[in-house]
């Protein structure tokens, strides 16, 4: 096992979703390193999840408000956590995002456990600009911000998903200790194990046709329309939109493609299972991401999107927005081009340049190096080190 043998850990997850891959990976890693891990997941009525044999214990806690969009749903969810877990004893309570921080803090206090706060984003960066007294007051009273401001101080350790978000969390809350950065990278997939025909089979695109992938939730904010506009300006590339899409928005995308005369070059693949995403991406010649600047929050500007790491693991070059965290990774490993996301012509030129001049062995070597460095098997060591520090401080 490992040096966490016998450590009792409880991870709380609010999402009314099948599961959060970041939580899954961290719980699995801790359990395989010897910890006794409980993952408590809120679900709304009617949601049922099925999973394979797990190295950790998964509890689904029924909560009618879990799928609600009301901001106070987080309070009812945390009350449900508190009632369900009251009386249990743990060594570490791990809060996944601010939506579970209150319940985790209460459980940590009652059980004498250390509190680890894993902030999956920079929540203050989602709030509207404080351009008036009314907006400033509304922002200050937002339930998520109130909870984070009150309880982040009680955490024995804070985790962030990027260096920029770690800096902003430390600055915004005047934290003495900088949050530990643990990026949301995928598990290692060896180049020889990639199924490079996966996506082409799904959308019926031949192997000799240039294929560009847009990965993740297909929404206006995530840049699906910008991707269509960019690919429409390329010579003959096909765009695959890989991710869940609302039926009404699908109609909008189909209309945009018709107006641009590229209906035959835009394929809406829909969602694929999480474990298949890297294989799907590996079918393409590059990954494209052009989030809309008009709706881009500060949190998005500071983030490292999963699609970047999925492209790396798929050994596929990228065309990405010129945002600080993304550009740092792309330039460090030499795996693509960063452009102004508001300029589809610049994106199209970058796409055509990559498609016209495949990188060959040199690009393959850079992508392999990036994949080795940005695999969960490497990144999880930061999680283990953090747990060791927290537990050592508790016993000192």
Protein backbone atom coordinates (compact mmCIF):
# COMPACT_ATOMS: atom_id res chain seq x y z
CA UNK A 1 0.00 0.00 0.00
CA UNK A 2 1.58 3.30 1.08
CA UNK A 3 2.42 5.68 3.90
CA UNK A 4 -1.24 6.67 4.33
CA UNK A 5 -2.18 3.25 5.71
CA UNK A 6 -5.16 3.50 8.05
CA UNK A 7 -5.74 7.26 7.49
CA UNK A 8 -9.49 7.90 7.48
CA UNK A 9 -10.53 10.34 4.76
CA UNK A 10 -13.95 11.73 3.83
CA UNK A 11 -14.35 13.54 0.49
CA UNK A 12 -17.52 15.58 -0.01
CA UNK A 13 -18.94 16.26 -3.48
CA UNK A 14 -21.97 18.45 -4.15
CA UNK A 15 -22.46 17.87 -7.85
CA UNK A 16 -25.76 16.35 -8.92
CA UNK A 17 -23.74 14.67 -11.69
CA UNK A 18 -22.61 11.08 -12.30
CA UNK A 19 -19.24 11.96 -10.77
CA UNK A 20 -16.40 14.44 -10.91
CA UNK A 21 -13.27 12.90 -12.50
CA UNK A 22 -11.01 15.03 -10.28
CA UNK A 23 -12.68 13.63 -7.17
CA UNK A 24 -12.58 10.12 -8.57
CA UNK A 25 -8.84 10.35 -9.27
CA UNK A 26 -7.95 11.84 -5.88
CA UNK A 27 -10.07 9.37 -3.91
CA UNK A 28 -8.70 6.44 -5.88
CA UNK A 29 -5.10 7.63 -5.45
CA UNK A 30 -5.49 8.10 -1.68
CA UNK A 31 -7.17 4.71 -1.29
CA UNK A 32 -4.48 2.92 -3.30
CA UNK A 33 -1.90 4.67 -1.13
CA UNK A 34 -3.42 3.05 1.96
CA UNK A 35 -6.10 5.51 3.12
CA UNK A 36 -9.62 4.41 4.07
CA UNK A 37 -11.66 6.77 1.88
CA UNK A 38 -15.37 7.61 2.00
CA UNK A 39 -16.75 9.72 -0.87
CA UNK A 40 -20.14 11.24 -0.06
CA UNK A 41 -21.98 12.50 -3.13
CA UNK A 42 -25.23 14.44 -3.20
CA UNK A 43 -27.80 13.33 -5.73
CA UNK A 44 -31.25 14.59 -6.63
CA UNK A 45 -34.26 12.24 -6.72
CA UNK A 46 -34.23 10.00 -9.78
CA UNK A 47 -30.47 10.14 -10.32
CA UNK A 48 -28.85 6.72 -10.22
CA UNK A 49 -25.18 6.04 -10.78
CA UNK A 50 -23.48 2.80 -11.63
CA UNK A 51 -19.80 2.19 -11.09
CA UNK A 52 -17.26 -0.56 -11.28
CA UNK A 53 -15.61 -2.07 -8.22
CA UNK A 54 -13.98 0.84 -6.42
CA UNK A 55 -11.02 1.07 -4.03
CA UNK A 56 -13.01 3.61 -1.96
CA UNK A 57 -16.48 3.67 -0.42
CA UNK A 58 -19.05 5.72 -2.35
CA UNK A 59 -22.20 6.97 -0.61
CA UNK A 60 -25.01 8.66 -2.49
CA UNK A 61 -26.88 11.04 -0.23
CA UNK A 62 -30.36 11.93 -1.48
CA UNK A 63 -30.93 15.70 -1.54
CA UNK A 64 -33.88 17.19 -3.49
CA UNK A 65 -32.05 20.52 -3.94
CA UNK A 66 -28.87 19.00 -5.44
CA UNK A 67 -29.90 19.73 -9.03
CA UNK A 68 -31.48 23.12 -8.24
CA UNK A 69 -29.91 26.30 -9.64
CA UNK A 70 -30.90 28.40 -6.63
CA UNK A 71 -27.79 29.82 -4.89
CA UNK A 72 -29.03 28.68 -1.47
CA UNK A 73 -29.09 25.04 -2.61
CA UNK A 74 -25.54 24.80 -1.29
CA UNK A 75 -26.72 25.48 2.25
CA UNK A 76 -29.35 22.74 2.14
CA UNK A 77 -26.78 20.36 0.68
CA UNK A 78 -24.30 21.15 3.47
CA UNK A 79 -27.00 20.66 6.09
CA UNK A 80 -27.67 17.25 4.52
CA UNK A 81 -23.96 16.43 4.76
CA UNK A 82 -23.88 17.50 8.41
CA UNK A 83 -26.91 15.44 9.42
CA UNK A 84 -25.76 12.34 7.55
CA UNK A 85 -22.15 12.36 8.79
CA UNK A 86 -22.66 13.62 12.35
CA UNK A 87 -20.84 11.39 14.80
CA UNK A 88 -18.35 9.90 12.35
CA UNK A 89 -14.62 10.16 12.99
CA UNK A 90 -12.05 11.00 10.32
CA UNK A 91 -8.43 12.09 10.15
CA UNK A 92 -8.93 14.31 7.07
CA UNK A 93 -12.06 15.86 5.59
CA UNK A 94 -11.60 16.90 1.95
CA UNK A 95 -13.98 19.57 0.63
CA UNK A 96 -14.34 19.56 -3.14
CA UNK A 97 -15.16 23.14 -4.13
CA UNK A 98 -16.83 25.84 -2.08
CA UNK A 99 -20.21 24.13 -2.37
CA UNK A 100 -19.09 21.55 0.23
CA UNK A 101 -16.82 23.72 2.37
CA UNK A 102 -19.37 24.47 5.12
CA UNK A 103 -20.33 20.81 5.60
CA UNK A 104 -16.69 19.76 5.50
CA UNK A 105 -15.67 22.39 8.06
CA UNK A 106 -18.43 21.30 10.44
CA UNK A 107 -17.47 17.63 10.06
CA UNK A 108 -13.76 18.36 10.53
CA UNK A 109 -14.48 20.32 13.69
CA UNK A 110 -16.80 17.70 15.21
CA UNK A 111 -14.45 14.80 14.44
CA UNK A 112 -11.18 16.56 15.23
CA UNK A 113 -10.00 16.06 11.64
CA UNK A 114 -7.77 18.16 9.43
CA UNK A 115 -9.62 20.14 6.75
CA UNK A 116 -8.38 20.16 3.14
CA UNK A 117 -10.13 22.59 0.78
CA UNK A 118 -9.82 21.74 -2.92
CA UNK A 119 -10.94 24.85 -4.81
CA UNK A 120 -11.74 23.72 -8.34
CA UNK A 121 -12.05 27.31 -9.58
CA UNK A 122 -11.72 30.94 -8.47
CA UNK A 123 -15.29 31.63 -7.43
CA UNK A 124 -14.94 35.41 -6.88
CA UNK A 125 -13.93 35.57 -10.55
CA UNK A 126 -17.43 34.49 -11.59
CA UNK A 127 -19.16 37.40 -9.91
CA UNK A 128 -20.25 40.44 -11.96
CA UNK A 129 -18.07 43.54 -11.91
CA UNK A 130 -18.82 45.70 -8.86
CA UNK A 131 -19.79 48.79 -10.84
CA UNK A 132 -22.37 50.01 -8.32
CA UNK A 133 -23.08 49.88 -4.59
CA UNK A 134 -25.91 47.43 -5.25
CA UNK A 135 -23.60 45.04 -7.12
CA UNK A 136 -20.92 45.29 -4.44
CA UNK A 137 -23.44 44.46 -1.71
CA UNK A 138 -24.92 41.59 -3.75
CA UNK A 139 -21.45 40.15 -4.38
CA UNK A 140 -20.48 40.46 -0.73
CA UNK A 141 -23.64 38.62 0.36
CA UNK A 142 -23.42 35.83 -2.18
CA UNK A 143 -23.72 32.60 -0.21
CA UNK A 144 -20.75 30.88 -1.88
CA UNK A 145 -18.47 33.84 -1.28
CA UNK A 146 -19.65 34.19 2.33
CA UNK A 147 -18.94 30.53 3.04
CA UNK A 148 -15.55 30.61 1.32
CA UNK A 149 -14.52 33.81 3.10
CA UNK A 150 -15.52 32.43 6.50
CA UNK A 151 -14.15 28.90 6.23
CA UNK A 152 -11.12 28.99 3.93
CA UNK A 153 -9.22 30.28 6.97
CA UNK A 154 -10.05 27.07 8.85
CA UNK A 155 -8.51 24.83 6.21
CA UNK A 156 -5.26 23.14 7.15
CA UNK A 157 -4.39 23.14 3.44
CA UNK A 158 -5.88 24.72 0.32
CA UNK A 159 -5.57 23.28 -3.19
CA UNK A 160 -5.87 25.25 -6.45
CA UNK A 161 -5.98 24.02 -10.05
CA UNK A 162 -3.55 26.57 -11.51
CA UNK A 163 -0.73 28.87 -10.40
CA UNK A 164 -2.76 31.99 -11.22
CA UNK A 165 -5.76 30.81 -9.20
CA UNK A 166 -3.45 29.93 -6.30
CA UNK A 167 -2.10 33.49 -6.40
CA UNK A 168 -5.58 35.03 -6.56
CA UNK A 169 -6.90 32.92 -3.70
CA UNK A 170 -3.95 33.93 -1.55
CA UNK A 171 -4.36 37.60 -2.46
CA UNK A 172 -8.16 37.74 -2.20
CA UNK A 173 -8.32 36.07 1.22
CA UNK A 174 -4.90 37.21 2.55
CA UNK A 175 -3.84 33.62 3.14
CA UNK A 176 -0.53 33.17 4.94
CA UNK A 177 0.29 30.01 3.01
CA UNK A 178 0.06 29.84 -0.75
CA UNK A 179 -2.36 27.12 -1.96
CA UNK A 180 -0.81 23.95 -3.36
CA UNK A 181 -1.36 23.60 -7.11
CA UNK A 182 -2.68 20.21 -8.24
CA UNK A 183 -3.73 20.35 -11.87
CA UNK A 184 -6.68 18.39 -13.21
CA UNK A 185 -4.66 16.23 -15.58
CA UNK A 186 -5.77 12.85 -17.00
CA UNK A 187 -4.36 9.45 -16.22
CA UNK A 188 -1.48 8.28 -18.39
CA UNK A 189 -2.38 6.68 -21.71
CA UNK A 190 0.60 5.33 -23.62
CA UNK A 191 0.91 6.42 -27.24
CA UNK A 192 0.72 2.79 -28.42
CA UNK A 193 -2.59 2.31 -26.56
CA UNK A 194 -4.42 5.26 -28.16
CA UNK A 195 -7.43 4.36 -30.31
CA UNK A 196 -6.81 6.86 -33.09
CA UNK A 197 -9.84 5.80 -35.08
CA UNK A 198 -12.36 6.27 -32.25
CA UNK A 199 -13.88 9.64 -33.16
CA UNK A 200 -13.62 9.16 -36.91
CA UNK A 201 -15.76 6.04 -36.59
CA UNK A 202 -18.35 7.90 -34.51
CA UNK A 203 -18.75 10.80 -36.98
CA UNK A 204 -17.79 8.92 -40.16
CA UNK A 205 -14.76 10.97 -41.22
CA UNK A 206 -12.07 9.14 -43.25
CA UNK A 207 -8.50 8.96 -41.98
CA UNK A 208 -7.16 11.20 -44.77
CA UNK A 209 -9.53 14.12 -44.01
CA UNK A 210 -8.14 16.86 -41.69
CA UNK A 211 -10.07 16.74 -38.40
CA UNK A 212 -10.22 19.47 -35.75
CA UNK A 213 -11.78 18.70 -32.34
CA UNK A 214 -13.55 21.04 -29.94
CA UNK A 215 -13.83 19.18 -26.62
CA UNK A 216 -16.06 19.83 -23.61
CA UNK A 217 -19.54 21.14 -22.95
CA UNK A 218 -20.88 22.60 -26.21
CA UNK A 219 -22.21 25.98 -25.09
CA UNK A 220 -22.06 29.59 -26.27
CA UNK A 221 -19.58 30.50 -23.54
CA UNK A 222 -17.23 27.64 -24.43
CA UNK A 223 -16.67 28.94 -27.96
CA UNK A 224 -18.47 26.39 -30.15
CA UNK A 225 -19.66 29.07 -32.58
CA UNK A 226 -16.19 30.65 -32.68
CA UNK A 227 -14.80 27.23 -33.56
CA UNK A 228 -17.23 26.93 -36.47
CA UNK A 229 -16.29 30.38 -37.74
CA UNK A 230 -12.58 29.53 -37.55
CA UNK A 231 -12.86 26.15 -39.28
CA UNK A 232 -15.05 27.69 -41.98
CA UNK A 233 -12.05 29.85 -42.92
CA UNK A 234 -9.71 26.86 -43.30
CA UNK A 235 -9.13 25.03 -46.56
CA UNK A 236 -11.07 21.83 -45.91
CA UNK A 237 -10.87 20.83 -42.24
CA UNK A 238 -13.78 19.08 -40.54
CA UNK A 239 -14.81 20.23 -37.06
CA UNK A 240 -15.98 17.70 -34.46
CA UNK A 241 -17.85 19.09 -31.44
CA UNK A 242 -17.24 16.51 -28.72
CA UNK A 243 -19.28 16.98 -25.56
CA UNK A 244 -22.82 17.31 -24.22
CA UNK A 245 -25.00 19.77 -26.13
CA UNK A 246 -28.47 21.12 -25.40
CA UNK A 247 -30.92 20.32 -28.25
CA UNK A 248 -31.93 23.98 -28.65
CA UNK A 249 -28.29 25.08 -28.91
CA UNK A 250 -27.62 22.29 -31.36
CA UNK A 251 -30.15 23.91 -33.70
CA UNK A 252 -28.32 27.23 -33.33
CA UNK A 253 -24.98 25.61 -34.24
CA UNK A 254 -26.49 23.88 -37.26
CA UNK A 255 -27.89 27.22 -38.43
CA UNK A 256 -24.48 28.92 -38.05
CA UNK A 257 -22.87 26.15 -40.09
CA UNK A 258 -25.53 26.52 -42.80
CA UNK A 259 -25.05 30.28 -42.99
CA UNK A 260 -21.30 29.80 -43.42
CA UNK A 261 -21.77 27.07 -46.00
CA UNK A 262 -19.96 24.39 -43.97
CA UNK A 263 -22.79 22.12 -42.83
CA UNK A 264 -20.92 19.17 -44.32
CA UNK A 265 -17.79 20.10 -42.35
CA UNK A 266 -19.32 20.40 -38.86
CA UNK A 267 -20.10 17.19 -36.98
CA UNK A 268 -21.76 17.20 -33.57
CA UNK A 269 -20.44 14.04 -31.95
CA UNK A 270 -22.09 14.57 -28.57
CA UNK A 271 -20.73 13.34 -25.26
CA UNK A 272 -18.39 10.37 -24.91
CA UNK A 273 -17.57 8.49 -21.68
CA UNK A 274 -14.88 10.21 -19.62
CA UNK A 275 -12.43 7.34 -20.01
CA UNK A 276 -12.83 7.57 -23.80
CA UNK A 277 -12.22 11.32 -24.17
CA UNK A 278 -8.45 11.02 -24.72
CA UNK A 279 -9.00 8.28 -27.32
CA UNK A 280 -11.61 10.43 -29.09
CA UNK A 281 -9.26 13.42 -29.14
CA UNK A 282 -6.41 11.28 -30.49
CA UNK A 283 -8.41 10.74 -33.68
CA UNK A 284 -8.07 14.42 -34.59
CA UNK A 285 -5.20 16.38 -36.10
CA UNK A 286 -5.48 19.19 -33.56
CA UNK A 287 -7.66 20.48 -30.71
CA UNK A 288 -9.24 23.93 -30.96
CA UNK A 289 -10.51 26.07 -28.06
CA UNK A 290 -11.75 29.65 -28.57
CA UNK A 291 -13.82 30.76 -25.54
CA UNK A 292 -15.94 33.84 -26.09
CA UNK A 293 -14.16 36.94 -24.69
CA UNK A 294 -17.54 38.63 -24.20
CA UNK A 295 -18.61 36.06 -21.61
CA UNK A 296 -15.19 35.01 -20.28
CA UNK A 297 -15.03 35.25 -16.49
CA UNK A 298 -11.87 35.95 -14.54
CA UNK A 299 -11.95 32.35 -13.33
CA UNK A 300 -11.85 31.09 -16.94
CA UNK A 301 -9.00 33.48 -17.75
CA UNK A 302 -6.95 32.05 -14.90
CA UNK A 303 -7.78 28.39 -15.44
CA UNK A 304 -6.11 25.43 -17.10
CA UNK A 305 -8.89 23.71 -19.06
CA UNK A 306 -9.14 19.93 -19.10
CA UNK A 307 -9.19 19.96 -22.91
CA UNK A 308 -5.59 21.20 -22.97
CA UNK A 309 -4.38 18.25 -20.91
CA UNK A 310 -6.57 15.81 -22.82
CA UNK A 311 -4.99 17.00 -26.08
CA UNK A 312 -1.54 16.52 -24.57
CA UNK A 313 -2.35 12.99 -23.44
CA UNK A 314 -3.78 12.26 -26.91
CA UNK A 315 -0.46 13.53 -28.40
CA UNK A 316 -2.33 16.10 -30.52
CA UNK A 317 -1.20 19.74 -31.06
CA UNK A 318 -3.47 22.61 -30.04
CA UNK A 319 -4.75 26.02 -31.09
CA UNK A 320 -5.68 27.73 -27.83
CA UNK A 321 -6.52 31.20 -26.52
CA UNK A 322 -3.60 33.44 -25.55
CA UNK A 323 -4.42 33.35 -21.82
CA UNK A 324 -1.56 33.32 -19.28
CA UNK A 325 -1.87 29.80 -17.84
CA UNK A 326 -2.67 28.13 -21.16
CA UNK A 327 0.03 29.99 -23.06
CA UNK A 328 2.62 29.06 -20.43
CA UNK A 329 1.98 25.32 -20.96
CA UNK A 330 1.72 25.53 -24.75
CA UNK A 331 4.97 27.48 -25.07
CA UNK A 332 6.85 25.52 -22.39
CA UNK A 333 6.34 22.25 -24.24
CA UNK A 334 6.09 23.63 -27.80
CA UNK A 335 2.82 21.86 -28.56
CA UNK A 336 0.81 24.39 -30.54
CA UNK A 337 -0.19 27.98 -31.15
CA UNK A 338 -2.00 30.53 -28.98
CA UNK A 339 -4.21 33.16 -30.65
CA UNK A 340 -6.65 35.92 -29.81
CA UNK A 341 -9.90 33.95 -29.24
CA UNK A 342 -11.89 36.83 -30.74
CA UNK A 343 -10.06 36.51 -34.08
CA UNK A 344 -11.34 33.48 -36.07
CA UNK A 345 -9.10 34.39 -39.02
CA UNK A 346 -5.99 34.15 -36.85
CA UNK A 347 -7.23 30.80 -35.55
CA UNK A 348 -7.86 29.58 -39.10
CA UNK A 349 -4.33 30.55 -40.17
CA UNK A 350 -2.92 28.68 -37.16
CA UNK A 351 -5.01 25.61 -38.00
CA UNK A 352 -3.94 25.60 -41.64
CA UNK A 353 -0.30 26.09 -40.63
CA UNK A 354 -0.36 23.06 -38.32
CA UNK A 355 -2.25 20.91 -40.83
CA UNK A 356 0.09 21.89 -43.66
CA UNK A 357 3.27 21.19 -41.70
CA UNK A 358 2.89 18.18 -39.40
CA UNK A 359 5.56 18.30 -36.72
CA UNK A 360 6.85 14.79 -37.30
CA UNK A 361 9.24 13.14 -34.81
CA UNK A 362 10.19 16.43 -33.14
CA UNK A 363 6.58 17.33 -32.31
CA UNK A 364 5.92 13.73 -31.23
CA UNK A 365 8.85 13.94 -28.83
CA UNK A 366 7.57 17.23 -27.35
CA UNK A 367 4.07 15.83 -26.92
CA UNK A 368 5.45 12.68 -25.27
CA UNK A 369 7.48 14.79 -22.86
CA UNK A 370 4.41 16.89 -22.04
CA UNK A 371 2.29 13.77 -21.54
CA UNK A 372 4.84 12.32 -19.11
CA UNK A 373 4.94 15.57 -17.11
CA UNK A 374 1.19 16.22 -17.21
CA UNK A 375 -0.13 12.78 -16.25
CA UNK A 376 -2.08 12.12 -13.06
CA UNK A 377 0.46 9.48 -12.04
CA UNK A 378 2.98 12.34 -11.72
CA UNK A 379 0.59 15.00 -10.42
CA UNK A 380 -0.82 12.83 -7.61
CA UNK A 381 2.53 13.03 -5.80
CA UNK A 382 1.65 16.63 -4.93
CA UNK A 383 -1.55 15.35 -3.28
CA UNK A 384 0.37 12.75 -1.26
CA UNK A 385 2.91 15.36 -0.13
CA UNK A 386 0.11 17.69 0.98
CA UNK A 387 -1.56 14.94 3.02
CA UNK A 388 1.74 14.04 4.66
CA UNK A 389 2.28 17.67 5.69
CA UNK A 390 -1.23 18.06 7.04
CA UNK A 391 -1.09 14.83 9.04
CA UNK A 392 2.39 15.60 10.37
CA UNK A 393 1.23 19.02 11.55
CA UNK A 394 -1.72 17.41 13.33
CA UNK A 395 0.48 15.00 15.26
CA UNK A 396 3.29 17.46 16.01
